[in-house]
C-alpha atoms as a PDB file:
ATOM      1  CA  UNK A   1     159.159  49.138 130.613  1.00  0.00           C
ATOM      2  CA  UNK A   2     162.535  50.925 130.198  1.00  0.00           C
ATOM      3  CA  UNK A   3     162.779  53.288 127.098  1.00  0.00           C
ATOM      4  CA  UNK A   4     166.778  53.384 125.690  1.00  0.00           C
ATOM      5  CA  UNK A   5     166.544  56.161 123.118  1.00  0.00           C
ATOM      6  CA  UNK A   6     166.718  59.709 123.380  1.00  0.00           C
ATOM      7  CA  UNK A   7     165.844  60.480 119.840  1.00  0.00           C
ATOM      8  CA  UNK A   8     162.773  59.087 117.520  1.00  0.00           C
ATOM      9  CA  UNK A   9     163.822  56.446 115.648  1.00  0.00           C
ATOM     10  CA  UNK A  10     162.609  55.047 111.968  1.00  0.00           C
ATOM     11  CA  UNK A  11     161.467  51.460 111.850  1.00  0.00           C
ATOM     12  CA  UNK A  12     164.695  50.486 110.197  1.00  0.00           C
ATOM     13  CA  UNK A  13     166.769  52.534 112.585  1.00  0.00           C
ATOM     14  CA  UNK A  14     165.326  50.526 115.430  1.00  0.00           C
ATOM     15  CA  UNK A  15     166.009  47.321 113.914  1.00  0.00           C
ATOM     16  CA  UNK A  16     169.916  48.151 113.668  1.00  0.00           C
ATOM     17  CA  UNK A  17     169.695  49.720 116.978  1.00  0.00           C
ATOM     18  CA  UNK A  18     167.661  46.900 119.110  1.00  0.00           C
ATOM     19  CA  UNK A  19     170.039  45.448 121.346  1.00  0.00           C
ATOM     20  CA  UNK A  20     170.473  41.451 120.430  1.00  0.00           C
ATOM     21  CA  UNK A  21     169.660  40.275 123.885  1.00  0.00           C
ATOM     22  CA  UNK A  22     165.798  41.013 125.785  1.00  0.00           C
ATOM     23  CA  UNK A  23     162.817  41.978 124.159  1.00  0.00           C
ATOM     24  CA  UNK A  24     162.053  45.507 122.570  1.00  0.00           C
ATOM     25  CA  UNK A  25     159.744  47.151 120.848  1.00  0.00           C
ATOM     26  CA  UNK A  26     159.482  50.115 119.052  1.00  0.00           C
ATOM     27  CA  UNK A  27     156.915  52.561 120.014  1.00  0.00           C
ATOM     28  CA  UNK A  28     156.360  56.224 119.384  1.00  0.00           C
ATOM     29  CA  UNK A  29     159.828  56.102 117.954  1.00  0.00           C
ATOM     30  CA  UNK A  30     161.531  55.357 120.996  1.00  0.00           C
ATOM     31  CA  UNK A  31     162.938  51.410 121.634  1.00  0.00           C
ATOM     32  CA  UNK A  32     161.280  49.992 124.713  1.00  0.00           C
ATOM     33  CA  UNK A  33     162.490  47.083 126.811  1.00  0.00           C
ATOM     34  CA  UNK A  34     159.412  44.457 127.746  1.00  0.00           C
ATOM     35  CA  UNK A  35     160.270  43.411 130.693  1.00  0.00           C
ATOM     36  CA  UNK A  36     157.933  40.578 132.743  1.00  0.00           C
ATOM     37  CA  UNK A  37     157.578  38.715 135.841  1.00  0.00           C
ATOM     38  CA  UNK A  38     158.248  35.342 136.364  1.00  0.00           C
ATOM     39  CA  UNK A  39     154.483  34.490 136.496  1.00  0.00           C
ATOM     40  CA  UNK A  40     153.824  36.220 133.455  1.00  0.00           C
ATOM     41  CA  UNK A  41     157.122  34.326 131.462  1.00  0.00           C
ATOM     42  CA  UNK A  42     155.382  30.563 132.775  1.00  0.00           C
ATOM     43  CA  UNK A  43     151.881  31.684 131.412  1.00  0.00           C
ATOM     44  CA  UNK A  44     153.645  32.820 127.913  1.00  0.00           C
ATOM     45  CA  UNK A  45     155.345  29.689 127.756  1.00  0.00           C
ATOM     46  CA  UNK A  46     152.994  27.777 129.055  1.00  0.00           C
ATOM     47  CA  UNK A  47     150.822  28.541 125.929  1.00  0.00           C
ATOM     48  CA  UNK A  48     153.024  28.354 123.509  1.00  0.00           C
ATOM     49  CA  UNK A  49     153.897  24.972 124.448  1.00  0.00           C
ATOM     50  CA  UNK A  50     150.233  24.494 124.179  1.00  0.00           C
ATOM     51  CA  UNK A  51     150.572  25.760 120.695  1.00  0.00           C
ATOM     52  CA  UNK A  52     153.850  23.566 119.532  1.00  0.00           C
ATOM     53  CA  UNK A  53     152.298  20.205 120.677  1.00  0.00           C
ATOM     54  CA  UNK A  54     148.699  21.103 118.704  1.00  0.00           C
ATOM     55  CA  UNK A  55     151.817  21.938 115.592  1.00  0.00           C
ATOM     56  CA  UNK A  56     153.496  18.539 116.606  1.00  0.00           C
ATOM     57  CA  UNK A  57     150.439  16.216 116.990  1.00  0.00           C
ATOM     58  CA  UNK A  58     148.592  17.379 114.078  1.00  0.00           C
ATOM     59  CA  UNK A  59     151.345  18.224 111.757  1.00  0.00           C
ATOM     60  CA  UNK A  60     149.968  21.940 111.265  1.00  0.00           C
ATOM     61  CA  UNK A  61     152.742  24.264 108.670  1.00  0.00           C
ATOM     62  CA  UNK A  62     152.943  26.956 111.253  1.00  0.00           C
ATOM     63  CA  UNK A  63     156.079  28.166 113.509  1.00  0.00           C
ATOM     64  CA  UNK A  64     155.727  28.687 117.076  1.00  0.00           C
ATOM     65  CA  UNK A  65     157.869  31.709 118.662  1.00  0.00           C
ATOM     66  CA  UNK A  66     158.178  34.547 121.045  1.00  0.00           C
ATOM     67  CA  UNK A  67     160.869  35.839 118.725  1.00  0.00           C
ATOM     68  CA  UNK A  68     158.977  37.389 116.005  1.00  0.00           C
ATOM     69  CA  UNK A  69     159.070  40.964 115.233  1.00  0.00           C
ATOM     70  CA  UNK A  70     155.588  42.616 114.189  1.00  0.00           C
ATOM     71  CA  UNK A  71     155.814  46.188 112.008  1.00  0.00           C
ATOM     72  CA  UNK A  72     152.507  47.762 112.877  1.00  0.00           C
ATOM     73  CA  UNK A  73     150.967  51.371 112.553  1.00  0.00           C
ATOM     74  CA  UNK A  74     149.458  53.377 115.570  1.00  0.00           C
ATOM     75  CA  UNK A  75     145.874  55.127 114.512  1.00  0.00           C
ATOM     76  CA  UNK A  76     148.245  58.437 113.902  1.00  0.00           C
ATOM     77  CA  UNK A  77     150.534  56.428 111.570  1.00  0.00           C
ATOM     78  CA  UNK A  78     153.563  56.173 113.665  1.00  0.00           C
ATOM     79  CA  UNK A  79     155.086  52.918 112.857  1.00  0.00           C
ATOM     80  CA  UNK A  80     155.452  50.141 115.444  1.00  0.00           C
ATOM     81  CA  UNK A  81     157.669  46.891 116.170  1.00  0.00           C
ATOM     82  CA  UNK A  82     155.870  44.755 118.304  1.00  0.00           C
ATOM     83  CA  UNK A  83     156.832  41.670 119.416  1.00  0.00           C
ATOM     84  CA  UNK A  84     154.013  39.528 120.807  1.00  0.00           C
ATOM     85  CA  UNK A  85     154.361  37.145 123.946  1.00  0.00           C
ATOM     86  CA  UNK A  86     153.675  34.028 121.422  1.00  0.00           C
ATOM     87  CA  UNK A  87     153.705  34.321 117.711  1.00  0.00           C
ATOM     88  CA  UNK A  88     151.714  31.508 115.529  1.00  0.00           C
ATOM     89  CA  UNK A  89     153.288  32.599 111.829  1.00  0.00           C
ATOM     90  CA  UNK A  90     152.428  30.803 108.602  1.00  0.00           C
ATOM     91  CA  UNK A  91     155.677  28.150 108.058  1.00  0.00           C
ATOM     92  CA  UNK A  92     156.016  29.519 104.168  1.00  0.00           C
ATOM     93  CA  UNK A  93     155.899  32.901 105.548  1.00  0.00           C
ATOM     94  CA  UNK A  94     158.363  32.778 108.117  1.00  0.00           C
ATOM     95  CA  UNK A  95     160.648  30.770 105.231  1.00  0.00           C
ATOM     96  CA  UNK A  96     160.107  32.703 102.602  1.00  0.00           C
ATOM     97  CA  UNK A  97     163.643  34.810 103.743  1.00  0.00           C
ATOM     98  CA  UNK A  98     164.935  33.385 107.077  1.00  0.00           C
ATOM     99  CA  UNK A  99     168.270  35.578 106.750  1.00  0.00           C
ATOM    100  CA  UNK A 100     166.509  38.598 107.077  1.00  0.00           C
ATOM    101  CA  UNK A 101     166.136  40.823 110.179  1.00  0.00           C
ATOM    102  CA  UNK A 102     163.693  42.836 109.240  1.00  0.00           C
ATOM    103  CA  UNK A 103     160.339  42.780 111.220  1.00  0.00           C
ATOM    104  CA  UNK A 104     157.346  40.715 109.325  1.00  0.00           C
ATOM    105  CA  UNK A 105     154.827  42.618 107.637  1.00  0.00           C
ATOM    106  CA  UNK A 106     152.118  40.101 106.899  1.00  0.00           C
ATOM    107  CA  UNK A 107     149.203  39.566 109.011  1.00  0.00           C
ATOM    108  CA  UNK A 108     150.215  36.265 111.278  1.00  0.00           C
ATOM    109  CA  UNK A 109     147.832  33.435 112.340  1.00  0.00           C
ATOM    110  CA  UNK A 110     147.769  33.972 115.945  1.00  0.00           C
ATOM    111  CA  UNK A 111     149.427  36.998 118.398  1.00  0.00           C
ATOM    112  CA  UNK A 112     149.114  36.549 122.449  1.00  0.00           C
ATOM    113  CA  UNK A 113     149.980  39.082 125.093  1.00  0.00           C
ATOM    114  CA  UNK A 114     149.793  38.287 128.761  1.00  0.00           C
ATOM    115  CA  UNK A 115     148.689  41.249 130.112  1.00  0.00           C
ATOM    116  CA  UNK A 116     150.820  42.904 133.020  1.00  0.00           C
ATOM    117  CA  UNK A 117     150.659  46.712 134.577  1.00  0.00           C
ATOM    118  CA  UNK A 118     150.804  48.585 130.788  1.00  0.00           C
ATOM    119  CA  UNK A 119     146.962  46.388 130.219  1.00  0.00           C
ATOM    120  CA  UNK A 120     145.864  49.639 128.056  1.00  0.00           C
ATOM    121  CA  UNK A 121     148.472  48.685 125.059  1.00  0.00           C
ATOM    122  CA  UNK A 122     147.045  45.189 124.839  1.00  0.00           C
ATOM    123  CA  UNK A 123     143.632  45.973 125.082  1.00  0.00           C
ATOM    124  CA  UNK A 124     143.524  49.167 122.871  1.00  0.00           C
ATOM    125  CA  UNK A 125     146.657  50.186 120.675  1.00  0.00           C
ATOM    126  CA  UNK A 126     147.943  46.648 119.878  1.00  0.00           C
ATOM    127  CA  UNK A 127     144.015  45.684 119.178  1.00  0.00           C
ATOM    128  CA  UNK A 128     143.799  48.213 116.370  1.00  0.00           C
ATOM    129  CA  UNK A 129     147.251  47.509 115.272  1.00  0.00           C
ATOM    130  CA  UNK A 130     146.663  43.694 115.069  1.00  0.00           C
ATOM    131  CA  UNK A 131     143.320  44.309 113.129  1.00  0.00           C
ATOM    132  CA  UNK A 132     144.404  47.049 111.239  1.00  0.00           C
ATOM    133  CA  UNK A 133     147.231  44.245 109.198  1.00  0.00           C
ATOM    134  CA  UNK A 134     145.154  41.870 109.634  1.00  0.00           C
ATOM    135  CA  UNK A 135     146.484  39.423 112.186  1.00  0.00           C
ATOM    136  CA  UNK A 136     143.972  36.143 112.395  1.00  0.00           C
ATOM    137  CA  UNK A 137     143.046  35.837 116.143  1.00  0.00           C
ATOM    138  CA  UNK A 138     144.815  37.958 118.880  1.00  0.00           C
ATOM    139  CA  UNK A 139     144.545  36.381 122.230  1.00  0.00           C
ATOM    140  CA  UNK A 140     144.855  38.643 125.670  1.00  0.00           C
ATOM    141  CA  UNK A 141     145.727  36.280 128.306  1.00  0.00           C
ATOM    142  CA  UNK A 142     144.480  38.926 131.264  1.00  0.00           C
ATOM    143  CA  UNK A 143     145.415  36.781 134.589  1.00  0.00           C
ATOM    144  CA  UNK A 144     145.771  39.485 136.840  1.00  0.00           C
ATOM    145  CA  UNK A 145     142.471  40.773 135.440  1.00  0.00           C
ATOM    146  CA  UNK A 146     144.394  44.184 135.932  1.00  0.00           C
ATOM    147  CA  UNK A 147     142.425  45.620 132.923  1.00  0.00           C
ATOM    148  CA  UNK A 148     139.186  47.757 133.574  1.00  0.00           C
ATOM    149  CA  UNK A 149     136.219  46.835 133.766  1.00  0.00           C
ATOM    150  CA  UNK A 150     135.327  47.947 130.319  1.00  0.00           C
ATOM    151  CA  UNK A 151     136.885  45.277 129.026  1.00  0.00           C
ATOM    152  CA  UNK A 152     136.613  42.355 132.100  1.00  0.00           C
ATOM    153  CA  UNK A 153     132.547  43.214 133.374  1.00  0.00           C
ATOM    154  CA  UNK A 154     132.069  43.436 136.975  1.00  0.00           C
ATOM    155  CA  UNK A 155     133.422  41.659 139.108  1.00  0.00           C
ATOM    156  CA  UNK A 156     136.360  41.585 137.227  1.00  0.00           C
ATOM    157  CA  UNK A 157     137.924  37.818 136.947  1.00  0.00           C
ATOM    158  CA  UNK A 158     140.859  36.950 134.863  1.00  0.00           C
ATOM    159  CA  UNK A 159     140.000  36.352 131.582  1.00  0.00           C
ATOM    160  CA  UNK A 160     141.170  35.500 128.341  1.00  0.00           C
ATOM    161  CA  UNK A 161     140.419  37.758 125.248  1.00  0.00           C
ATOM    162  CA  UNK A 162     140.025  35.974 121.668  1.00  0.00           C
ATOM    163  CA  UNK A 163     139.819  37.982 119.239  1.00  0.00           C
ATOM    164  CA  UNK A 164     139.060  36.327 115.992  1.00  0.00           C
ATOM    165  CA  UNK A 165     139.091  38.587 112.247  1.00  0.00           C
ATOM    166  CA  UNK A 166     135.597  37.919 110.990  1.00  0.00           C
ATOM    167  CA  UNK A 167     134.563  38.082 106.888  1.00  0.00           C
ATOM    168  CA  UNK A 168     134.660  42.046 106.977  1.00  0.00           C
ATOM    169  CA  UNK A 169     138.479  42.344 108.678  1.00  0.00           C
ATOM    170  CA  UNK A 170     136.691  43.041 111.559  1.00  0.00           C
ATOM    171  CA  UNK A 171     137.188  41.223 115.061  1.00  0.00           C
ATOM    172  CA  UNK A 172     134.925  39.586 116.738  1.00  0.00           C
ATOM    173  CA  UNK A 173     135.478  38.630 121.024  1.00  0.00           C
ATOM    174  CA  UNK A 174     134.988  35.700 122.732  1.00  0.00           C
ATOM    175  CA  UNK A 175     135.959  35.681 126.800  1.00  0.00           C
ATOM    176  CA  UNK A 176     136.851  33.125 128.720  1.00  0.00           C
ATOM    177  CA  UNK A 177     137.041  32.185 132.118  1.00  0.00           C
ATOM    178  CA  UNK A 178     137.668  29.457 135.175  1.00  0.00           C
ATOM    179  CA  UNK A 179     136.230  25.927 133.287  1.00  0.00           C
ATOM    180  CA  UNK A 180     135.275  27.214 130.481  1.00  0.00           C
ATOM    181  CA  UNK A 181     137.467  25.442 127.600  1.00  0.00           C
ATOM    182  CA  UNK A 182     139.262  27.725 125.455  1.00  0.00           C
ATOM    183  CA  UNK A 183     137.679  28.046 121.532  1.00  0.00           C
ATOM    184  CA  UNK A 184     140.485  28.962 118.773  1.00  0.00           C
ATOM    185  CA  UNK A 185     139.918  28.479 115.089  1.00  0.00           C
ATOM    186  CA  UNK A 186     143.734  27.798 114.267  1.00  0.00           C
ATOM    187  CA  UNK A 187     143.605  25.323 117.382  1.00  0.00           C
ATOM    188  CA  UNK A 188     139.685  23.464 116.847  1.00  0.00           C
ATOM    189  CA  UNK A 189     140.811  20.758 119.047  1.00  0.00           C
ATOM    190  CA  UNK A 190     143.037  22.698 121.598  1.00  0.00           C
ATOM    191  CA  UNK A 191     141.496  20.858 124.667  1.00  0.00           C
ATOM    192  CA  UNK A 192     142.841  23.424 127.803  1.00  0.00           C
ATOM    193  CA  UNK A 193     140.552  25.740 129.856  1.00  0.00           C
ATOM    194  CA  UNK A 194     140.979  29.612 131.441  1.00  0.00           C
ATOM    195  CA  UNK A 195     142.059  28.470 134.718  1.00  0.00           C
ATOM    196  CA  UNK A 196     144.364  25.669 133.734  1.00  0.00           C
ATOM    197  CA  UNK A 197     146.327  28.933 131.783  1.00  0.00           C
ATOM    198  CA  UNK A 198     145.814  31.031 134.545  1.00  0.00           C
ATOM    199  CA  UNK A 199     147.728  28.642 137.125  1.00  0.00           C
ATOM    200  CA  UNK A 200     150.802  28.212 135.148  1.00  0.00           C
END
């Protein structure tokens, strides 16, 4: 990750100053470039393709993208701008103001983060922020098994953690490894194993 800013920015300043090319988030008032390896991109694109195929096959009213900016708040109240590796968004929400550059502030259906060296952002910070704004499903795809044993268990194995919002507005966790078939509330007919995603 590369930080581009010298002064703390507001969320509106982030939207104005964020470069057009590349992927950037607003973290603690700073524009941070989200760089990723080819493997990371391959895994993200596979998940995005799987979702797009389901949306098309079942004619679901969702937009699947890797460009959505989601406005969140950190535990200390600081505004963040997050760009999930994959977002699934209700089509009416996406189309409500398509000429708008502003970030989405409504809860989306799914946010997917493919974990890299800054794994604590995904398992701690974004988990809190996505739950707080009511994102219905949050996937953490840890193909490197890079997170700590607190999150992955012992032995550490590549894991897909899916957090689903329950009726109390709290996340319930299911984890999938190896040949286990993924279970998604949004895409209940999705047929893919954790290993197939890791092998992208």
